[in-house]
Amino acid sequence: MRRLIIFLTIIFLALNVNAQKFMTKTGYIGFFSHTPMEDIKADNNQVASVFDISTGELVFQVLIKSFKFPKALMEEHFNENYLESDKYPRSTFRGKVLNSASVDFKKNGKYDVTVEGELNMHNVTKKVTTTGIVEVTDGNITASSKFTIVPEDYNITIPAIVRENVAKTIEVTVNMKYAPLESK
């Protein structure tokens, strides 16, 4: 938790001090794998994120061990064998809403956005571009997106014995409810 606070403080200081920032510590990221053999789903409601609406910059940090699975054995394999969460405890995304100027943050509505940035997972960083929705409701901001990743792209090895149980592409769902970051 201490590292998370330090990380968010650094990110906050790195962003423009006069900017309008929104933050959450309880964002959601989930993933889903479907194969004929088995469906695998995990949820994480402890995602930290900062969104600077004046620049469109976004930062996410996810603690890998915070993903929860319906079966304890799945969670154990995920942390110990696949993501090696003791060795690589977090995943981060740093990017930007490319068309943030088209979002009227003072007017209620849903806005289609394109996000581009770098996703770091399992000590591998890859460029990611995806679409999403930013919704403004009475000054509150929510953001959501769905995209896919390929575990092999992040040097995540699935053992041969269970390879047929894990999809080659994993669907990732992101849902954030941001609150204004109080400036002092």
C-alpha atoms as a PDB file:
ATOM      1  CA  MET A   1       0.000   0.000   0.000  1.00  0.00           C
ATOM      2  CA  ARG A   2       2.880   2.346   0.813  1.00  0.00           C
ATOM      3  CA  ARG A   3       4.346   1.844  -2.679  1.00  0.00           C
ATOM      4  CA  LEU A   4       0.947   2.609  -4.189  1.00  0.00           C
ATOM      5  CA  ILE A   5       0.748   5.912  -2.311  1.00  0.00           C
ATOM      6  CA  ILE A   6       4.300   6.819  -3.342  1.00  0.00           C
ATOM      7  CA  PHE A   7       3.519   5.906  -6.967  1.00  0.00           C
ATOM      8  CA  LEU A   8       0.359   8.025  -7.041  1.00  0.00           C
ATOM      9  CA  THR A   9       2.167  10.947  -5.392  1.00  0.00           C
ATOM     10  CA  ILE A  10       4.892  10.850  -8.035  1.00  0.00           C
ATOM     11  CA  ILE A  11       2.304  10.681 -10.807  1.00  0.00           C
ATOM     12  CA  PHE A  12       0.373  13.556  -9.260  1.00  0.00           C
ATOM     13  CA  LEU A  13       3.510  15.701  -9.077  1.00  0.00           C
ATOM     14  CA  ALA A  14       4.518  14.765 -12.617  1.00  0.00           C
ATOM     15  CA  LEU A  15       1.231  16.017 -14.037  1.00  0.00           C
ATOM     16  CA  ASN A  16       0.567  19.725 -14.460  1.00  0.00           C
ATOM     17  CA  VAL A  17      -0.125  21.251 -11.040  1.00  0.00           C
ATOM     18  CA  ASN A  18      -2.865  23.529 -12.392  1.00  0.00           C
ATOM     19  CA  ALA A  19      -4.606  20.713 -14.236  1.00  0.00           C
ATOM     20  CA  GLN A  20      -7.972  19.241 -13.405  1.00  0.00           C
ATOM     21  CA  LYS A  21      -7.308  15.787 -12.048  1.00  0.00           C
ATOM     22  CA  PHE A  22      -9.674  13.019 -11.135  1.00  0.00           C
ATOM     23  CA  MET A  23      -8.707   9.896  -9.220  1.00  0.00           C
ATOM     24  CA  THR A  24      -9.921   6.545  -7.996  1.00  0.00           C
ATOM     25  CA  LYS A  25      -8.417   3.879  -5.761  1.00  0.00           C
ATOM     26  CA  THR A  26     -11.334   1.508  -6.305  1.00  0.00           C
ATOM     27  CA  GLY A  27     -11.432   1.167 -10.067  1.00  0.00           C
ATOM     28  CA  TYR A  28     -12.299  -2.154 -11.683  1.00  0.00           C
ATOM     29  CA  ILE A  29     -10.299  -4.272 -14.092  1.00  0.00           C
ATOM     30  CA  GLY A  30     -11.423  -7.767 -14.940  1.00  0.00           C
ATOM     31  CA  PHE A  31     -10.426 -10.334 -17.473  1.00  0.00           C
ATOM     32  CA  PHE A  32     -12.135 -13.248 -19.162  1.00  0.00           C
ATOM     33  CA  SER A  33     -10.785 -16.268 -21.011  1.00  0.00           C
ATOM     34  CA  HIS A  34     -13.134 -18.590 -22.892  1.00  0.00           C
ATOM     35  CA  THR A  35     -12.216 -21.980 -24.302  1.00  0.00           C
ATOM     36  CA  PRO A  36     -14.331 -25.084 -24.953  1.00  0.00           C
ATOM     37  CA  MET A  37     -12.607 -26.619 -21.922  1.00  0.00           C
ATOM     38  CA  GLU A  38     -13.137 -23.842 -19.370  1.00  0.00           C
ATOM     39  CA  ASP A  39     -14.088 -20.221 -18.724  1.00  0.00           C
ATOM     40  CA  ILE A  40     -11.740 -18.240 -16.509  1.00  0.00           C
ATOM     41  CA  LYS A  41     -12.783 -14.923 -14.976  1.00  0.00           C
ATOM     42  CA  ALA A  42     -11.032 -12.682 -12.472  1.00  0.00           C
ATOM     43  CA  ASP A  43     -11.982  -9.339 -10.928  1.00  0.00           C
ATOM     44  CA  ASN A  44      -9.943  -6.597  -9.294  1.00  0.00           C
ATOM     45  CA  ASN A  45     -11.684  -3.678  -7.548  1.00  0.00           C
ATOM     46  CA  GLN A  46      -8.514  -2.135  -6.115  1.00  0.00           C
ATOM     47  CA  VAL A  47      -7.211  -0.350  -9.204  1.00  0.00           C
ATOM     48  CA  ALA A  48      -5.662   3.086  -8.685  1.00  0.00           C
ATOM     49  CA  SER A  49      -5.952   5.605 -11.506  1.00  0.00           C
ATOM     50  CA  VAL A  50      -5.447   9.313 -12.139  1.00  0.00           C
ATOM     51  CA  PHE A  51      -7.105  11.077 -15.088  1.00  0.00           C
ATOM     52  CA  ASP A  52      -6.003  14.601 -16.009  1.00  0.00           C
ATOM     53  CA  ILE A  53      -8.927  15.952 -18.013  1.00  0.00           C
ATOM     54  CA  SER A  54      -7.008  19.038 -19.175  1.00  0.00           C
ATOM     55  CA  THR A  55      -4.391  16.935 -21.019  1.00  0.00           C
ATOM     56  CA  GLY A  56      -6.171  13.586 -21.409  1.00  0.00           C
ATOM     57  CA  GLU A  57      -3.349  11.808 -19.556  1.00  0.00           C
ATOM     58  CA  LEU A  58      -4.275   8.562 -17.785  1.00  0.00           C
ATOM     59  CA  VAL A  59      -2.304   6.430 -15.360  1.00  0.00           C
ATOM     60  CA  PHE A  60      -3.361   3.078 -13.898  1.00  0.00           C
ATOM     61  CA  GLN A  61      -1.716   0.795 -11.376  1.00  0.00           C
ATOM     62  CA  VAL A  62      -2.968  -2.711 -10.660  1.00  0.00           C
ATOM     63  CA  LEU A  63      -1.701  -5.007  -7.928  1.00  0.00           C
ATOM     64  CA  ILE A  64      -1.674  -8.475  -9.480  1.00  0.00           C
ATOM     65  CA  LYS A  65      -2.476 -10.285  -6.226  1.00  0.00           C
ATOM     66  CA  SER A  66      -5.692  -8.263  -5.951  1.00  0.00           C
ATOM     67  CA  PHE A  67      -7.336 -10.254  -8.763  1.00  0.00           C
ATOM     68  CA  LYS A  68      -9.974 -12.564  -7.302  1.00  0.00           C
ATOM     69  CA  PHE A  69     -11.086 -15.796  -8.948  1.00  0.00           C
ATOM     70  CA  PRO A  70     -14.105 -18.042  -8.288  1.00  0.00           C
ATOM     71  CA  LYS A  71     -11.737 -20.949  -7.558  1.00  0.00           C
ATOM     72  CA  ALA A  72      -8.801 -20.670  -5.159  1.00  0.00           C
ATOM     73  CA  LEU A  73      -6.695 -23.014  -7.296  1.00  0.00           C
ATOM     74  CA  MET A  74      -7.102 -20.721 -10.333  1.00  0.00           C
ATOM     75  CA  GLU A  75      -5.949 -17.773  -8.251  1.00  0.00           C
ATOM     76  CA  GLU A  76      -2.955 -19.711  -6.962  1.00  0.00           C
ATOM     77  CA  HIS A  77      -1.882 -20.796 -10.468  1.00  0.00           C
ATOM     78  CA  PHE A  78      -2.401 -17.267 -11.825  1.00  0.00           C
ATOM     79  CA  ASN A  79      -0.173 -15.710  -9.150  1.00  0.00           C
ATOM     80  CA  GLU A  80       2.488 -18.401  -8.847  1.00  0.00           C
ATOM     81  CA  ASN A  81       2.801 -19.883 -12.338  1.00  0.00           C
ATOM     82  CA  TYR A  82       1.545 -17.381 -14.905  1.00  0.00           C
ATOM     83  CA  LEU A  83       1.915 -13.789 -13.691  1.00  0.00           C
ATOM     84  CA  GLU A  84       4.556 -14.594 -11.056  1.00  0.00           C
ATOM     85  CA  SER A  85       3.121 -11.881  -8.827  1.00  0.00           C
ATOM     86  CA  ASP A  86       5.884 -12.123  -6.208  1.00  0.00           C
ATOM     87  CA  LYS A  87       8.432 -11.279  -8.910  1.00  0.00           C
ATOM     88  CA  TYR A  88       6.187  -8.860 -10.877  1.00  0.00           C
ATOM     89  CA  PRO A  89       3.719  -7.486  -8.298  1.00  0.00           C
ATOM     90  CA  ARG A  90       1.986  -4.853 -10.411  1.00  0.00           C
ATOM     91  CA  SER A  91       0.860  -3.901 -13.855  1.00  0.00           C
ATOM     92  CA  THR A  92       0.759  -0.288 -15.032  1.00  0.00           C
ATOM     93  CA  PHE A  93      -0.705   1.667 -17.900  1.00  0.00           C
ATOM     94  CA  ARG A  94       0.354   5.173 -18.816  1.00  0.00           C
ATOM     95  CA  GLY A  95      -1.363   6.792 -21.745  1.00  0.00           C
ATOM     96  CA  LYS A  96      -3.621   9.450 -23.106  1.00  0.00           C
ATOM     97  CA  VAL A  97      -7.156   9.959 -24.359  1.00  0.00           C
ATOM     98  CA  LEU A  98      -6.287  11.053 -27.890  1.00  0.00           C
ATOM     99  CA  ASN A  99      -9.527  12.922 -28.515  1.00  0.00           C
ATOM    100  CA  SER A 100     -10.079  14.349 -25.012  1.00  0.00           C
ATOM    101  CA  ALA A 101     -10.720  17.816 -26.529  1.00  0.00           C
ATOM    102  CA  SER A 102     -13.977  16.412 -27.955  1.00  0.00           C
ATOM    103  CA  VAL A 103     -15.240  15.600 -24.443  1.00  0.00           C
ATOM    104  CA  ASP A 104     -17.167  18.413 -22.759  1.00  0.00           C
ATOM    105  CA  PHE A 105     -16.395  17.734 -19.104  1.00  0.00           C
ATOM    106  CA  LYS A 106     -18.903  20.412 -18.052  1.00  0.00           C
ATOM    107  CA  LYS A 107     -21.827  18.843 -19.901  1.00  0.00           C
ATOM    108  CA  ASN A 108     -23.581  15.581 -19.037  1.00  0.00           C
ATOM    109  CA  GLY A 109     -23.201  12.973 -21.734  1.00  0.00           C
ATOM    110  CA  LYS A 110     -21.419   9.923 -23.086  1.00  0.00           C
ATOM    111  CA  TYR A 111     -18.417  10.433 -25.291  1.00  0.00           C
ATOM    112  CA  ASP A 112     -16.594   7.901 -27.457  1.00  0.00           C
ATOM    113  CA  VAL A 113     -12.849   8.134 -26.924  1.00  0.00           C
ATOM    114  CA  THR A 114      -9.665   6.551 -28.207  1.00  0.00           C
ATOM    115  CA  VAL A 115      -6.942   5.735 -25.695  1.00  0.00           C
ATOM    116  CA  GLU A 116      -3.329   5.037 -26.519  1.00  0.00           C
ATOM    117  CA  GLY A 117      -0.490   4.240 -24.172  1.00  0.00           C
ATOM    118  CA  GLU A 118       1.904   1.681 -22.802  1.00  0.00           C
ATOM    119  CA  LEU A 119       0.799  -1.332 -20.805  1.00  0.00           C
ATOM    120  CA  ASN A 120       3.463  -2.905 -18.622  1.00  0.00           C
ATOM    121  CA  MET A 121       2.768  -6.397 -17.356  1.00  0.00           C
ATOM    122  CA  HIS A 122       5.122  -9.205 -16.344  1.00  0.00           C
ATOM    123  CA  ASN A 123       8.006  -6.747 -16.887  1.00  0.00           C
ATOM    124  CA  VAL A 124       7.125  -6.316 -20.582  1.00  0.00           C
ATOM    125  CA  THR A 125       5.846  -3.018 -22.006  1.00  0.00           C
ATOM    126  CA  LYS A 126       3.661  -2.936 -25.121  1.00  0.00           C
ATOM    127  CA  LYS A 127       1.817  -0.155 -26.898  1.00  0.00           C
ATOM    128  CA  VAL A 128      -1.974  -0.448 -26.602  1.00  0.00           C
ATOM    129  CA  THR A 129      -4.622   1.474 -28.510  1.00  0.00           C
ATOM    130  CA  THR A 130      -8.292   0.945 -27.740  1.00  0.00           C
ATOM    131  CA  THR A 131     -11.656   2.673 -27.703  1.00  0.00           C
ATOM    132  CA  GLY A 132     -13.759   3.484 -24.693  1.00  0.00           C
ATOM    133  CA  ILE A 133     -16.505   5.636 -23.299  1.00  0.00           C
ATOM    134  CA  VAL A 134     -16.163   8.603 -20.960  1.00  0.00           C
ATOM    135  CA  GLU A 135     -19.408   9.556 -19.255  1.00  0.00           C
ATOM    136  CA  VAL A 136     -19.927  12.862 -17.480  1.00  0.00           C
ATOM    137  CA  THR A 137     -22.770  13.040 -14.962  1.00  0.00           C
ATOM    138  CA  ASP A 138     -23.135  16.150 -12.812  1.00  0.00           C
ATOM    139  CA  GLY A 139     -19.391  16.714 -12.632  1.00  0.00           C
ATOM    140  CA  ASN A 140     -18.561  13.058 -11.986  1.00  0.00           C
ATOM    141  CA  ILE A 141     -16.604  11.068 -14.538  1.00  0.00           C
ATOM    142  CA  THR A 142     -16.738   7.385 -15.375  1.00  0.00           C
ATOM    143  CA  ALA A 143     -14.627   5.671 -17.991  1.00  0.00           C
ATOM    144  CA  SER A 144     -14.957   2.211 -19.495  1.00  0.00           C
ATOM    145  CA  SER A 145     -13.274   0.104 -22.135  1.00  0.00           C
ATOM    146  CA  LYS A 146     -12.914  -3.451 -23.393  1.00  0.00           C
ATOM    147  CA  PHE A 147      -9.902  -4.732 -25.286  1.00  0.00           C
ATOM    148  CA  THR A 148      -7.921  -7.917 -25.729  1.00  0.00           C
ATOM    149  CA  ILE A 149      -4.369  -8.878 -24.893  1.00  0.00           C
ATOM    150  CA  VAL A 150      -2.271 -11.869 -25.857  1.00  0.00           C
ATOM    151  CA  PRO A 151      -0.462 -13.400 -22.844  1.00  0.00           C
ATOM    152  CA  GLU A 152       2.458 -14.509 -25.054  1.00  0.00           C
ATOM    153  CA  ASP A 153       3.096 -10.839 -25.948  1.00  0.00           C
ATOM    154  CA  TYR A 154       3.953 -10.259 -22.278  1.00  0.00           C
ATOM    155  CA  ASN A 155       6.137 -13.370 -21.910  1.00  0.00           C
ATOM    156  CA  ILE A 156       3.422 -15.122 -19.921  1.00  0.00           C
ATOM    157  CA  THR A 157       3.903 -18.831 -20.465  1.00  0.00           C
ATOM    158  CA  ILE A 158       0.961 -21.196 -20.118  1.00  0.00           C
ATOM    159  CA  PRO A 159       2.137 -24.729 -19.271  1.00  0.00           C
ATOM    160  CA  ALA A 160       1.333 -27.336 -21.943  1.00  0.00           C
ATOM    161  CA  ILE A 161      -0.807 -29.368 -19.519  1.00  0.00           C
ATOM    162  CA  VAL A 162      -3.371 -26.510 -19.220  1.00  0.00           C
ATOM    163  CA  ARG A 163      -2.778 -24.667 -22.509  1.00  0.00           C
ATOM    164  CA  GLU A 164      -6.168 -25.776 -23.875  1.00  0.00           C
ATOM    165  CA  ASN A 165      -7.871 -24.270 -20.795  1.00  0.00           C
ATOM    166  CA  VAL A 166      -6.591 -20.712 -21.374  1.00  0.00           C
ATOM    167  CA  ALA A 167      -7.597 -18.668 -24.415  1.00  0.00           C
ATOM    168  CA  LYS A 168      -4.899 -17.294 -26.709  1.00  0.00           C
ATOM    169  CA  THR A 169      -6.468 -13.837 -26.334  1.00  0.00           C
ATOM    170  CA  ILE A 170      -7.831 -12.509 -23.056  1.00  0.00           C
ATOM    171  CA  GLU A 171     -10.667  -9.970 -22.891  1.00  0.00           C
ATOM    172  CA  VAL A 172      -9.929  -7.123 -20.467  1.00  0.00           C
ATOM    173  CA  THR A 173     -12.705  -4.921 -19.057  1.00  0.00           C
ATOM    174  CA  VAL A 174     -11.973  -1.557 -17.433  1.00  0.00           C
ATOM    175  CA  ASN A 175     -14.509   0.491 -15.421  1.00  0.00           C
ATOM    176  CA  MET A 176     -13.438   3.574 -13.471  1.00  0.00           C
ATOM    177  CA  LYS A 177     -15.508   5.939 -11.326  1.00  0.00           C
ATOM    178  CA  TYR A 178     -13.383   9.024 -10.824  1.00  0.00           C
ATOM    179  CA  ALA A 179     -13.730  11.695  -8.171  1.00  0.00           C
ATOM    180  CA  PRO A 180     -12.077  15.114  -8.301  1.00  0.00           C
ATOM    181  CA  LEU A 181      -8.605  15.116  -6.800  1.00  0.00           C
ATOM    182  CA  GLU A 182      -8.604  17.744  -4.087  1.00  0.00           C
ATOM    183  CA  SER A 183      -5.881  20.344  -4.494  1.00  0.00           C
ATOM    184  CA  LYS A 184      -4.432  21.990  -1.408  1.00  0.00           C
END
